[in-house]
PDB file of N, CA and C in Angstrom:
ATOM      1  N   UNK A   1      45.564  66.673  64.670  1.00  0.00           N
ATOM      2  CA  UNK A   1      45.103  65.833  65.752  1.00  0.00           C
ATOM      3  C   UNK A   1      44.238  64.683  65.232  1.00  0.00           C
ATOM      4  N   UNK A   2      43.359  64.982  64.298  1.00  0.00           N
ATOM      5  CA  UNK A   2      42.443  63.965  63.796  1.00  0.00           C
ATOM      6  C   UNK A   2      43.195  62.822  63.124  1.00  0.00           C
ATOM      7  N   UNK A   3      44.181  63.148  62.297  1.00  0.00           N
ATOM      8  CA  UNK A   3      44.907  62.087  61.608  1.00  0.00           C
ATOM      9  C   UNK A   3      45.724  61.246  62.587  1.00  0.00           C
ATOM     10  N   UNK A   4      46.235  61.864  63.630  1.00  0.00           N
ATOM     11  CA  UNK A   4      46.971  61.122  64.654  1.00  0.00           C
ATOM     12  C   UNK A   4      46.046  60.152  65.377  1.00  0.00           C
ATOM     13  N   UNK A   5      44.853  60.611  65.705  1.00  0.00           N
ATOM     14  CA  UNK A   5      43.879  59.756  66.383  1.00  0.00           C
ATOM     15  C   UNK A   5      43.480  58.589  65.480  1.00  0.00           C
ATOM     16  N   UNK A   6      43.259  58.863  64.207  1.00  0.00           N
ATOM     17  CA  UNK A   6      42.873  57.802  63.270  1.00  0.00           C
ATOM     18  C   UNK A   6      43.991  56.764  63.148  1.00  0.00           C
ATOM     19  N   UNK A   7      45.238  57.223  63.031  1.00  0.00           N
ATOM     20  CA  UNK A   7      46.367  56.293  62.925  1.00  0.00           C
ATOM     21  C   UNK A   7      46.517  55.466  64.198  1.00  0.00           C
ATOM     22  N   UNK A   8      46.349  56.093  65.347  1.00  0.00           N
ATOM     23  CA  UNK A   8      46.471  55.365  66.616  1.00  0.00           C
ATOM     24  C   UNK A   8      45.353  54.337  66.767  1.00  0.00           C
ATOM     25  N   UNK A   9      44.139  54.715  66.413  1.00  0.00           N
ATOM     26  CA  UNK A   9      43.014  53.784  66.509  1.00  0.00           C
ATOM     27  C   UNK A   9      43.258  52.576  65.612  1.00  0.00           C
ATOM     28  N   UNK A  10      43.710  52.812  64.392  1.00  0.00           N
ATOM     29  CA  UNK A  10      43.974  51.715  63.470  1.00  0.00           C
ATOM     30  C   UNK A  10      45.069  50.793  64.016  1.00  0.00           C
ATOM     31  N   UNK A  11      46.145  51.381  64.519  1.00  0.00           N
ATOM     32  CA  UNK A  11      47.251  50.569  65.033  1.00  0.00           C
ATOM     33  C   UNK A  11      46.821  49.746  66.244  1.00  0.00           C
ATOM     34  N   UNK A  12      46.146  50.385  67.173  1.00  0.00           N
ATOM     35  CA  UNK A  12      45.701  49.663  68.372  1.00  0.00           C
ATOM     36  C   UNK A  12      44.658  48.610  68.029  1.00  0.00           C
ATOM     37  N   UNK A  13      43.759  48.932  67.119  1.00  0.00           N
ATOM     38  CA  UNK A  13      42.705  47.977  66.753  1.00  0.00           C
ATOM     39  C   UNK A  13      43.286  46.749  66.059  1.00  0.00           C
ATOM     40  N   UNK A  14      44.372  46.909  65.343  1.00  0.00           N
ATOM     41  CA  UNK A  14      45.007  45.763  64.685  1.00  0.00           C
ATOM     42  C   UNK A  14      45.793  44.907  65.682  1.00  0.00           C
ATOM     43  N   UNK A  15      46.403  45.539  66.659  1.00  0.00           N
ATOM     44  CA  UNK A  15      47.249  44.785  67.585  1.00  0.00           C
ATOM     45  C   UNK A  15      46.506  44.279  68.821  1.00  0.00           C
ATOM     46  N   UNK A  16      45.422  44.934  69.207  1.00  0.00           N
ATOM     47  CA  UNK A  16      44.702  44.550  70.426  1.00  0.00           C
ATOM     48  C   UNK A  16      44.146  43.128  70.377  1.00  0.00           C
ATOM     49  N   UNK A  17      43.426  42.712  69.317  1.00  0.00           N
ATOM     50  CA  UNK A  17      42.923  41.328  69.292  1.00  0.00           C
ATOM     51  C   UNK A  17      44.052  40.289  69.333  1.00  0.00           C
ATOM     52  N   UNK A  18      45.139  40.548  68.633  1.00  0.00           N
ATOM     53  CA  UNK A  18      46.263  39.607  68.647  1.00  0.00           C
ATOM     54  C   UNK A  18      46.892  39.550  70.035  1.00  0.00           C
ATOM     55  N   UNK A  19      47.018  40.684  70.687  1.00  0.00           N
ATOM     56  CA  UNK A  19      47.592  40.705  72.037  1.00  0.00           C
ATOM     57  C   UNK A  19      46.710  39.939  73.019  1.00  0.00           C
ATOM     58  N   UNK A  20      45.413  40.103  72.901  1.00  0.00           N
ATOM     59  CA  UNK A  20      44.487  39.383  73.785  1.00  0.00           C
ATOM     60  C   UNK A  20      44.600  37.882  73.558  1.00  0.00           C
ATOM     61  N   UNK A  21      44.706  37.469  72.301  1.00  0.00           N
ATOM     62  CA  UNK A  21      44.842  36.041  71.999  1.00  0.00           C
ATOM     63  C   UNK A  21      46.149  35.485  72.555  1.00  0.00           C
ATOM     64  N   UNK A  22      47.229  36.249  72.472  1.00  0.00           N
ATOM     65  CA  UNK A  22      48.507  35.799  73.021  1.00  0.00           C
ATOM     66  C   UNK A  22      48.397  35.659  74.539  1.00  0.00           C
ATOM     67  N   UNK A  23      47.761  36.622  75.195  1.00  0.00           N
ATOM     68  CA  UNK A  23      47.603  36.556  76.645  1.00  0.00           C
ATOM     69  C   UNK A  23      46.740  35.376  77.076  1.00  0.00           C
ATOM     70  N   UNK A  24      45.794  34.996  76.240  1.00  0.00           N
ATOM     71  CA  UNK A  24      44.947  33.836  76.537  1.00  0.00           C
ATOM     72  C   UNK A  24      45.644  32.520  76.225  1.00  0.00           C
ATOM     73  N   UNK A  25      46.781  32.590  75.548  1.00  0.00           N
ATOM     74  CA  UNK A  25      47.528  31.386  75.215  1.00  0.00           C
ATOM     75  C   UNK A  25      47.090  30.723  73.934  1.00  0.00           C
ATOM     76  N   UNK A  26      46.420  31.456  73.063  1.00  0.00           N
ATOM     77  CA  UNK A  26      45.952  30.885  71.801  1.00  0.00           C
ATOM     78  C   UNK A  26      47.135  30.639  70.864  1.00  0.00           C
ATOM     79  N   UNK A  27      46.996  29.644  70.029  1.00  0.00           N
ATOM     80  CA  UNK A  27      48.044  29.321  69.069  1.00  0.00           C
ATOM     81  C   UNK A  27      48.136  30.386  67.972  1.00  0.00           C
ATOM     82  N   UNK A  28      46.985  30.794  67.455  1.00  0.00           N
ATOM     83  CA  UNK A  28      46.952  31.773  66.379  1.00  0.00           C
ATOM     84  C   UNK A  28      47.021  33.175  66.985  1.00  0.00           C
ATOM     85  N   UNK A  29      47.932  34.017  66.459  1.00  0.00           N
ATOM     86  CA  UNK A  29      48.148  35.328  67.047  1.00  0.00           C
ATOM     87  C   UNK A  29      47.525  36.459  66.228  1.00  0.00           C
ATOM     88  N   UNK A  30      46.664  36.154  65.291  1.00  0.00           N
ATOM     89  CA  UNK A  30      46.032  37.203  64.502  1.00  0.00           C
ATOM     90  C   UNK A  30      44.563  37.290  64.873  1.00  0.00           C
ATOM     91  N   UNK A  31      44.042  38.486  64.792  1.00  0.00           N
ATOM     92  CA  UNK A  31      42.638  38.686  65.109  1.00  0.00           C
ATOM     93  C   UNK A  31      41.768  38.526  63.881  1.00  0.00           C
ATOM     94  N   UNK A  32      40.492  38.334  64.100  1.00  0.00           N
ATOM     95  CA  UNK A  32      39.544  38.231  62.997  1.00  0.00           C
ATOM     96  C   UNK A  32      39.078  39.630  62.599  1.00  0.00           C
ATOM     97  N   UNK A  33      38.385  39.700  61.487  1.00  0.00           N
ATOM     98  CA  UNK A  33      37.862  40.992  61.031  1.00  0.00           C
ATOM     99  C   UNK A  33      36.844  41.537  62.022  1.00  0.00           C
ATOM    100  N   UNK A  34      36.017  40.680  62.596  1.00  0.00           N
ATOM    101  CA  UNK A  34      35.021  41.124  63.576  1.00  0.00           C
ATOM    102  C   UNK A  34      35.705  41.711  64.808  1.00  0.00           C
ATOM    103  N   UNK A  35      36.804  41.089  65.243  1.00  0.00           N
ATOM    104  CA  UNK A  35      37.537  41.628  66.386  1.00  0.00           C
ATOM    105  C   UNK A  35      38.153  42.985  66.050  1.00  0.00           C
ATOM    106  N   UNK A  36      38.653  43.124  64.830  1.00  0.00           N
ATOM    107  CA  UNK A  36      39.219  44.405  64.395  1.00  0.00           C
ATOM    108  C   UNK A  36      38.148  45.495  64.388  1.00  0.00           C
ATOM    109  N   UNK A  37      36.996  45.168  63.820  1.00  0.00           N
ATOM    110  CA  UNK A  37      35.905  46.155  63.763  1.00  0.00           C
ATOM    111  C   UNK A  37      35.439  46.517  65.169  1.00  0.00           C
ATOM    112  N   UNK A  38      35.294  45.517  66.030  1.00  0.00           N
ATOM    113  CA  UNK A  38      34.879  45.785  67.407  1.00  0.00           C
ATOM    114  C   UNK A  38      35.890  46.647  68.148  1.00  0.00           C
ATOM    115  N   UNK A  39      37.173  46.314  67.997  1.00  0.00           N
ATOM    116  CA  UNK A  39      38.223  47.108  68.636  1.00  0.00           C
ATOM    117  C   UNK A  39      38.235  48.529  68.103  1.00  0.00           C
ATOM    118  N   UNK A  40      38.054  48.679  66.795  1.00  0.00           N
ATOM    119  CA  UNK A  40      38.030  50.003  66.192  1.00  0.00           C
ATOM    120  C   UNK A  40      36.887  50.836  66.752  1.00  0.00           C
ATOM    121  N   UNK A  41      35.707  50.244  66.845  1.00  0.00           N
ATOM    122  CA  UNK A  41      34.563  50.987  67.372  1.00  0.00           C
ATOM    123  C   UNK A  41      34.770  51.398  68.825  1.00  0.00           C
ATOM    124  N   UNK A  42      35.260  50.482  69.643  1.00  0.00           N
ATOM    125  CA  UNK A  42      35.494  50.795  71.059  1.00  0.00           C
ATOM    126  C   UNK A  42      36.537  51.906  71.203  1.00  0.00           C
ATOM    127  N   UNK A  43      37.632  51.787  70.466  1.00  0.00           N
ATOM    128  CA  UNK A  43      38.690  52.789  70.559  1.00  0.00           C
ATOM    129  C   UNK A  43      38.246  54.135  69.991  1.00  0.00           C
ATOM    130  N   UNK A  44      37.444  54.108  68.934  1.00  0.00           N
ATOM    131  CA  UNK A  44      36.936  55.366  68.368  1.00  0.00           C
ATOM    132  C   UNK A  44      36.027  56.079  69.359  1.00  0.00           C
ATOM    133  N   UNK A  45      35.169  55.332  70.029  1.00  0.00           N
ATOM    134  CA  UNK A  45      34.288  55.933  71.029  1.00  0.00           C
ATOM    135  C   UNK A  45      35.115  56.521  72.171  1.00  0.00           C
ATOM    136  N   UNK A  46      36.100  55.781  72.640  1.00  0.00           N
ATOM    137  CA  UNK A  46      36.963  56.296  73.704  1.00  0.00           C
ATOM    138  C   UNK A  46      37.710  57.553  73.267  1.00  0.00           C
ATOM    139  N   UNK A  47      38.186  57.575  72.028  1.00  0.00           N
ATOM    140  CA  UNK A  47      38.899  58.749  71.521  1.00  0.00           C
ATOM    141  C   UNK A  47      37.981  59.958  71.426  1.00  0.00           C
ATOM    142  N   UNK A  48      36.773  59.750  70.932  1.00  0.00           N
ATOM    143  CA  UNK A  48      35.816  60.860  70.825  1.00  0.00           C
ATOM    144  C   UNK A  48      35.457  61.390  72.205  1.00  0.00           C
ATOM    145  N   UNK A  49      35.219  60.493  73.143  1.00  0.00           N
ATOM    146  CA  UNK A  49      34.909  60.927  74.509  1.00  0.00           C
ATOM    147  C   UNK A  49      36.077  61.721  75.090  1.00  0.00           C
ATOM    148  N   UNK A  50      37.292  61.215  74.908  1.00  0.00           N
ATOM    149  CA  UNK A  50      38.469  61.921  75.422  1.00  0.00           C
ATOM    150  C   UNK A  50      38.616  63.290  74.766  1.00  0.00           C
ATOM    151  N   UNK A  51      38.439  63.353  73.450  1.00  0.00           N
ATOM    152  CA  UNK A  51      38.577  64.636  72.763  1.00  0.00           C
ATOM    153  C   UNK A  51      37.521  65.642  73.215  1.00  0.00           C
ATOM    154  N   UNK A  52      36.289  65.213  73.313  1.00  0.00           N
ATOM    155  CA  UNK A  52      35.237  66.151  73.679  1.00  0.00           C
ATOM    156  C   UNK A  52      35.301  66.577  75.140  1.00  0.00           C
ATOM    157  N   UNK A  53      35.760  65.709  76.011  1.00  0.00           N
ATOM    158  CA  UNK A  53      35.849  66.099  77.419  1.00  0.00           C
ATOM    159  C   UNK A  53      37.112  66.903  77.695  1.00  0.00           C
ATOM    160  N   UNK A  54      38.180  66.617  76.984  1.00  0.00           N
ATOM    161  CA  UNK A  54      39.444  67.301  77.247  1.00  0.00           C
ATOM    162  C   UNK A  54      39.615  68.580  76.429  1.00  0.00           C
ATOM    163  N   UNK A  55      38.881  68.745  75.348  1.00  0.00           N
ATOM    164  CA  UNK A  55      39.075  69.911  74.484  1.00  0.00           C
ATOM    165  C   UNK A  55      38.495  71.188  75.074  1.00  0.00           C
ATOM    166  N   UNK A  56      37.728  71.079  76.134  1.00  0.00           N
ATOM    167  CA  UNK A  56      37.198  72.294  76.769  1.00  0.00           C
ATOM    168  C   UNK A  56      38.336  73.141  77.305  1.00  0.00           C
ATOM    169  N   UNK A  57      39.312  72.478  77.853  1.00  0.00           N
ATOM    170  CA  UNK A  57      40.523  73.137  78.336  1.00  0.00           C
ATOM    171  C   UNK A  57      41.688  72.609  77.519  1.00  0.00           C
ATOM    172  N   UNK A  58      42.035  73.327  76.461  1.00  0.00           N
ATOM    173  CA  UNK A  58      43.049  72.820  75.539  1.00  0.00           C
ATOM    174  C   UNK A  58      44.406  72.663  76.221  1.00  0.00           C
ATOM    175  N   UNK A  59      44.745  73.555  77.132  1.00  0.00           N
ATOM    176  CA  UNK A  59      46.010  73.449  77.846  1.00  0.00           C
ATOM    177  C   UNK A  59      46.051  72.175  78.680  1.00  0.00           C
ATOM    178  N   UNK A  60      44.957  71.862  79.365  1.00  0.00           N
ATOM    179  CA  UNK A  60      44.894  70.629  80.157  1.00  0.00           C
ATOM    180  C   UNK A  60      45.002  69.411  79.241  1.00  0.00           C
ATOM    181  N   UNK A  61      44.386  69.496  78.074  1.00  0.00           N
ATOM    182  CA  UNK A  61      44.464  68.410  77.102  1.00  0.00           C
ATOM    183  C   UNK A  61      45.911  68.183  76.664  1.00  0.00           C
ATOM    184  N   UNK A  62      46.611  69.250  76.323  1.00  0.00           N
ATOM    185  CA  UNK A  62      48.009  69.119  75.906  1.00  0.00           C
ATOM    186  C   UNK A  62      48.888  68.613  77.045  1.00  0.00           C
ATOM    187  N   UNK A  63      48.624  69.072  78.261  1.00  0.00           N
ATOM    188  CA  UNK A  63      49.373  68.567  79.414  1.00  0.00           C
ATOM    189  C   UNK A  63      49.147  67.075  79.598  1.00  0.00           C
ATOM    190  N   UNK A  64      47.905  66.638  79.456  1.00  0.00           N
ATOM    191  CA  UNK A  64      47.584  65.213  79.587  1.00  0.00           C
ATOM    192  C   UNK A  64      48.285  64.390  78.517  1.00  0.00           C
ATOM    193  N   UNK A  65      48.209  64.837  77.280  1.00  0.00           N
ATOM    194  CA  UNK A  65      48.817  64.094  76.162  1.00  0.00           C
ATOM    195  C   UNK A  65      50.337  64.037  76.326  1.00  0.00           C
ATOM    196  N   UNK A  66      50.937  65.153  76.699  1.00  0.00           N
ATOM    197  CA  UNK A  66      52.386  65.185  76.888  1.00  0.00           C
ATOM    198  C   UNK A  66      52.806  64.260  78.023  1.00  0.00           C
ATOM    199  N   UNK A  67      52.088  64.322  79.129  1.00  0.00           N
ATOM    200  CA  UNK A  67      52.408  63.465  80.274  1.00  0.00           C
ATOM    201  C   UNK A  67      52.263  61.990  79.915  1.00  0.00           C
ATOM    202  N   UNK A  68      51.184  61.664  79.234  1.00  0.00           N
ATOM    203  CA  UNK A  68      50.962  60.266  78.833  1.00  0.00           C
ATOM    204  C   UNK A  68      52.064  59.789  77.897  1.00  0.00           C
ATOM    205  N   UNK A  69      52.495  60.645  76.993  1.00  0.00           N
ATOM    206  CA  UNK A  69      53.552  60.277  76.056  1.00  0.00           C
ATOM    207  C   UNK A  69      54.867  60.028  76.784  1.00  0.00           C
ATOM    208  N   UNK A  70      55.198  60.901  77.715  1.00  0.00           N
ATOM    209  CA  UNK A  70      56.449  60.716  78.452  1.00  0.00           C
ATOM    210  C   UNK A  70      56.420  59.461  79.319  1.00  0.00           C
ATOM    211  N   UNK A  71      55.250  59.062  79.784  1.00  0.00           N
ATOM    212  CA  UNK A  71      55.146  57.838  80.576  1.00  0.00           C
ATOM    213  C   UNK A  71      55.166  56.580  79.708  1.00  0.00           C
ATOM    214  N   UNK A  72      54.476  56.623  78.595  1.00  0.00           N
ATOM    215  CA  UNK A  72      54.296  55.428  77.769  1.00  0.00           C
ATOM    216  C   UNK A  72      55.508  55.133  76.882  1.00  0.00           C
ATOM    217  N   UNK A  73      56.178  56.146  76.388  1.00  0.00           N
ATOM    218  CA  UNK A  73      57.266  55.937  75.424  1.00  0.00           C
ATOM    219  C   UNK A  73      58.379  55.027  75.953  1.00  0.00           C
ATOM    220  N   UNK A  74      58.912  55.248  77.161  1.00  0.00           N
ATOM    221  CA  UNK A  74      59.958  54.325  77.623  1.00  0.00           C
ATOM    222  C   UNK A  74      59.439  52.908  77.857  1.00  0.00           C
ATOM    223  N   UNK A  75      58.196  52.792  78.288  1.00  0.00           N
ATOM    224  CA  UNK A  75      57.622  51.464  78.502  1.00  0.00           C
ATOM    225  C   UNK A  75      57.468  50.713  77.185  1.00  0.00           C
ATOM    226  N   UNK A  76      56.969  51.390  76.172  1.00  0.00           N
ATOM    227  CA  UNK A  76      56.830  50.748  74.859  1.00  0.00           C
ATOM    228  C   UNK A  76      58.187  50.384  74.272  1.00  0.00           C
ATOM    229  N   UNK A  77      59.166  51.257  74.460  1.00  0.00           N
ATOM    230  CA  UNK A  77      60.510  50.958  73.959  1.00  0.00           C
ATOM    231  C   UNK A  77      61.083  49.734  74.655  1.00  0.00           C
ATOM    232  N   UNK A  78      60.883  49.624  75.963  1.00  0.00           N
ATOM    233  CA  UNK A  78      61.375  48.472  76.695  1.00  0.00           C
ATOM    234  C   UNK A  78      60.657  47.191  76.267  1.00  0.00           C
ATOM    235  N   UNK A  79      59.337  47.269  76.113  1.00  0.00           N
ATOM    236  CA  UNK A  79      58.595  46.098  75.644  1.00  0.00           C
ATOM    237  C   UNK A  79      59.051  45.668  74.252  1.00  0.00           C
ATOM    238  N   UNK A  80      59.261  46.631  73.374  1.00  0.00           N
ATOM    239  CA  UNK A  80      59.745  46.327  72.029  1.00  0.00           C
ATOM    240  C   UNK A  80      61.113  45.645  72.099  1.00  0.00           C
ATOM    241  N   UNK A  81      61.978  46.151  72.949  1.00  0.00           N
ATOM    242  CA  UNK A  81      63.300  45.546  73.121  1.00  0.00           C
ATOM    243  C   UNK A  81      63.175  44.096  73.602  1.00  0.00           C
ATOM    244  N   UNK A  82      62.318  43.873  74.572  1.00  0.00           N
ATOM    245  CA  UNK A  82      62.149  42.524  75.108  1.00  0.00           C
ATOM    246  C   UNK A  82      61.571  41.569  74.069  1.00  0.00           C
ATOM    247  N   UNK A  83      60.646  42.045  73.268  1.00  0.00           N
ATOM    248  CA  UNK A  83      60.055  41.200  72.225  1.00  0.00           C
ATOM    249  C   UNK A  83      61.116  40.805  71.202  1.00  0.00           C
ATOM    250  N   UNK A  84      61.920  41.753  70.811  1.00  0.00           N
ATOM    251  CA  UNK A  84      62.907  41.500  69.762  1.00  0.00           C
ATOM    252  C   UNK A  84      64.065  40.645  70.264  1.00  0.00           C
ATOM    253  N   UNK A  85      64.348  40.698  71.557  1.00  0.00           N
ATOM    254  CA  UNK A  85      65.519  39.975  72.059  1.00  0.00           C
ATOM    255  C   UNK A  85      65.193  38.678  72.795  1.00  0.00           C
ATOM    256  N   UNK A  86      63.979  38.514  73.312  1.00  0.00           N
ATOM    257  CA  UNK A  86      63.716  37.362  74.168  1.00  0.00           C
ATOM    258  C   UNK A  86      62.600  36.433  73.712  1.00  0.00           C
ATOM    259  N   UNK A  87      61.750  36.857  72.850  1.00  0.00           N
ATOM    260  CA  UNK A  87      60.608  36.017  72.497  1.00  0.00           C
ATOM    261  C   UNK A  87      60.956  35.078  71.353  1.00  0.00           C
ATOM    262  N   UNK A  88      59.973  34.734  70.602  1.00  0.00           N
ATOM    263  CA  UNK A  88      60.141  33.756  69.536  1.00  0.00           C
ATOM    264  C   UNK A  88      60.707  34.359  68.257  1.00  0.00           C
ATOM    265  N   UNK A  89      61.453  35.414  68.399  1.00  0.00           N
ATOM    266  CA  UNK A  89      62.095  36.045  67.253  1.00  0.00           C
ATOM    267  C   UNK A  89      63.212  35.116  66.762  1.00  0.00           C
ATOM    268  N   UNK A  90      63.240  34.827  65.471  1.00  0.00           N
ATOM    269  CA  UNK A  90      64.317  33.973  64.955  1.00  0.00           C
ATOM    270  C   UNK A  90      65.688  34.584  65.264  1.00  0.00           C
ATOM    271  N   UNK A  91      66.631  33.759  65.569  1.00  0.00           N
ATOM    272  CA  UNK A  91      67.978  34.220  65.945  1.00  0.00           C
ATOM    273  C   UNK A  91      68.582  35.115  64.864  1.00  0.00           C
ATOM    274  N   UNK A  92      68.300  34.783  63.620  1.00  0.00           N
ATOM    275  CA  UNK A  92      68.850  35.538  62.493  1.00  0.00           C
ATOM    276  C   UNK A  92      68.291  36.966  62.434  1.00  0.00           C
ATOM    277  N   UNK A  93      67.079  37.156  62.924  1.00  0.00           N
ATOM    278  CA  UNK A  93      66.433  38.463  62.856  1.00  0.00           C
ATOM    279  C   UNK A  93      66.691  39.324  64.094  1.00  0.00           C
ATOM    280  N   UNK A  94      67.337  38.783  65.099  1.00  0.00           N
ATOM    281  CA  UNK A  94      67.593  39.530  66.329  1.00  0.00           C
ATOM    282  C   UNK A  94      68.682  40.583  66.104  1.00  0.00           C
ATOM    283  N   UNK A  95      68.637  41.661  66.881  1.00  0.00           N
ATOM    284  CA  UNK A  95      69.639  42.727  66.702  1.00  0.00           C
ATOM    285  C   UNK A  95      71.030  42.302  67.195  1.00  0.00           C
ATOM    286  N   UNK A  96      72.021  42.982  66.664  1.00  0.00           N
ATOM    287  CA  UNK A  96      73.410  42.726  67.059  1.00  0.00           C
ATOM    288  C   UNK A  96      73.648  43.241  68.480  1.00  0.00           C
ATOM    289  N   UNK A  97      74.737  42.820  69.113  1.00  0.00           N
ATOM    290  CA  UNK A  97      75.037  43.333  70.457  1.00  0.00           C
ATOM    291  C   UNK A  97      75.145  44.859  70.509  1.00  0.00           C
ATOM    292  N   UNK A  98      75.712  45.459  69.477  1.00  0.00           N
ATOM    293  CA  UNK A  98      75.825  46.927  69.443  1.00  0.00           C
ATOM    294  C   UNK A  98      74.442  47.574  69.384  1.00  0.00           C
ATOM    295  N   UNK A  99      73.545  47.004  68.606  1.00  0.00           N
ATOM    296  CA  UNK A  99      72.192  47.546  68.507  1.00  0.00           C
ATOM    297  C   UNK A  99      71.439  47.361  69.825  1.00  0.00           C
ATOM    298  N   UNK A 100      71.701  46.265  70.524  1.00  0.00           N
ATOM    299  CA  UNK A 100      71.079  46.048  71.834  1.00  0.00           C
ATOM    300  C   UNK A 100      71.514  47.132  72.816  1.00  0.00           C
ATOM    301  N   UNK A 101      72.813  47.451  72.812  1.00  0.00           N
ATOM    302  CA  UNK A 101      73.325  48.500  73.701  1.00  0.00           C
ATOM    303  C   UNK A 101      72.695  49.845  73.339  1.00  0.00           C
ATOM    304  N   UNK A 102      72.638  50.144  72.042  1.00  0.00           N
ATOM    305  CA  UNK A 102      72.030  51.397  71.595  1.00  0.00           C
ATOM    306  C   UNK A 102      70.554  51.460  71.990  1.00  0.00           C
ATOM    307  N   UNK A 103      69.849  50.359  71.857  1.00  0.00           N
ATOM    308  CA  UNK A 103      68.436  50.313  72.226  1.00  0.00           C
ATOM    309  C   UNK A 103      68.238  50.542  73.713  1.00  0.00           C
ATOM    310  N   UNK A 104      69.031  49.885  74.528  1.00  0.00           N
ATOM    311  CA  UNK A 104      68.926  50.081  75.975  1.00  0.00           C
ATOM    312  C   UNK A 104      69.298  51.502  76.371  1.00  0.00           C
ATOM    313  N   UNK A 105      70.279  52.078  75.686  1.00  0.00           N
ATOM    314  CA  UNK A 105      70.628  53.480  75.950  1.00  0.00           C
ATOM    315  C   UNK A 105      69.452  54.390  75.621  1.00  0.00           C
ATOM    316  N   UNK A 106      68.752  54.100  74.545  1.00  0.00           N
ATOM    317  CA  UNK A 106      67.561  54.878  74.198  1.00  0.00           C
ATOM    318  C   UNK A 106      66.471  54.766  75.242  1.00  0.00           C
ATOM    319  N   UNK A 107      66.283  53.562  75.771  1.00  0.00           N
ATOM    320  CA  UNK A 107      65.283  53.358  76.829  1.00  0.00           C
ATOM    321  C   UNK A 107      65.664  54.161  78.067  1.00  0.00           C
ATOM    322  N   UNK A 108      66.951  54.134  78.420  1.00  0.00           N
ATOM    323  CA  UNK A 108      67.420  54.885  79.591  1.00  0.00           C
ATOM    324  C   UNK A 108      67.238  56.384  79.379  1.00  0.00           C
ATOM    325  N   UNK A 109      67.584  56.881  78.194  1.00  0.00           N
ATOM    326  CA  UNK A 109      67.429  58.310  77.906  1.00  0.00           C
ATOM    327  C   UNK A 109      65.955  58.706  77.967  1.00  0.00           C
ATOM    328  N   UNK A 110      65.076  57.903  77.365  1.00  0.00           N
ATOM    329  CA  UNK A 110      63.646  58.219  77.422  1.00  0.00           C
ATOM    330  C   UNK A 110      63.125  58.191  78.852  1.00  0.00           C
ATOM    331  N   UNK A 111      63.583  57.230  79.637  1.00  0.00           N
ATOM    332  CA  UNK A 111      63.188  57.174  81.047  1.00  0.00           C
ATOM    333  C   UNK A 111      63.678  58.389  81.815  1.00  0.00           C
ATOM    334  N   UNK A 112      64.924  58.792  81.565  1.00  0.00           N
ATOM    335  CA  UNK A 112      65.475  59.981  82.231  1.00  0.00           C
ATOM    336  C   UNK A 112      64.714  61.238  81.828  1.00  0.00           C
ATOM    337  N   UNK A 113      64.359  61.344  80.562  1.00  0.00           N
ATOM    338  CA  UNK A 113      63.571  62.507  80.113  1.00  0.00           C
ATOM    339  C   UNK A 113      62.198  62.522  80.775  1.00  0.00           C
ATOM    340  N   UNK A 114      61.606  61.362  80.942  1.00  0.00           N
ATOM    341  CA  UNK A 114      60.297  61.295  81.615  1.00  0.00           C
ATOM    342  C   UNK A 114      60.419  61.750  83.058  1.00  0.00           C
ATOM    343  N   UNK A 115      61.437  61.277  83.744  1.00  0.00           N
ATOM    344  CA  UNK A 115      61.646  61.688  85.134  1.00  0.00           C
ATOM    345  C   UNK A 115      61.896  63.193  85.208  1.00  0.00           C
ATOM    346  N   UNK A 116      62.740  63.717  84.317  1.00  0.00           N
ATOM    347  CA  UNK A 116      63.014  65.154  84.328  1.00  0.00           C
ATOM    348  C   UNK A 116      61.769  65.968  84.004  1.00  0.00           C
ATOM    349  N   UNK A 117      60.969  65.494  83.076  1.00  0.00           N
ATOM    350  CA  UNK A 117      59.730  66.202  82.727  1.00  0.00           C
ATOM    351  C   UNK A 117      58.824  66.336  83.947  1.00  0.00           C
ATOM    352  N   UNK A 118      58.626  65.225  84.644  1.00  0.00           N
ATOM    353  CA  UNK A 118      57.716  65.263  85.798  1.00  0.00           C
ATOM    354  C   UNK A 118      58.359  65.997  86.983  1.00  0.00           C
ATOM    355  N   UNK A 119      59.677  66.025  87.065  1.00  0.00           N
ATOM    356  CA  UNK A 119      60.334  66.769  88.132  1.00  0.00           C
ATOM    357  C   UNK A 119      60.224  68.278  87.896  1.00  0.00           C
ATOM    358  N   UNK A 120      60.226  68.679  86.625  1.00  0.00           N
ATOM    359  CA  UNK A 120      60.173  70.094  86.301  1.00  0.00           C
ATOM    360  C   UNK A 120      58.756  70.652  86.196  1.00  0.00           C
ATOM    361  N   UNK A 121      57.785  69.788  86.040  1.00  0.00           N
ATOM    362  CA  UNK A 121      56.396  70.259  85.888  1.00  0.00           C
ATOM    363  C   UNK A 121      55.770  70.527  87.203  1.00  0.00           C
TER     364      UNK A 121
END
């Protein structure tokens, strides 16, 4: 669990400042070191709070994590698909039509699994 939290904090802390700059319409899409450190500290505090409040009932914690994963995974896959196919991705680096179909099929399968998970729980 600890290594997963550390990896997630690092990934989010690296992408959060750049995402905020893109949403603000800034030309430069990379964050500064201060923004990375600030994001890391905020996310670490949130992770520690979540772990300490949710670990009292480990079953509830696992249910929360599983539910969040089933909700977020199809959304992230769809966002990734949209970024790769519609944004400023160079035409040469974009996926082939077959890969686009496979990607959309994956999004649909993940969405169906999420619906089935919540229907069965």
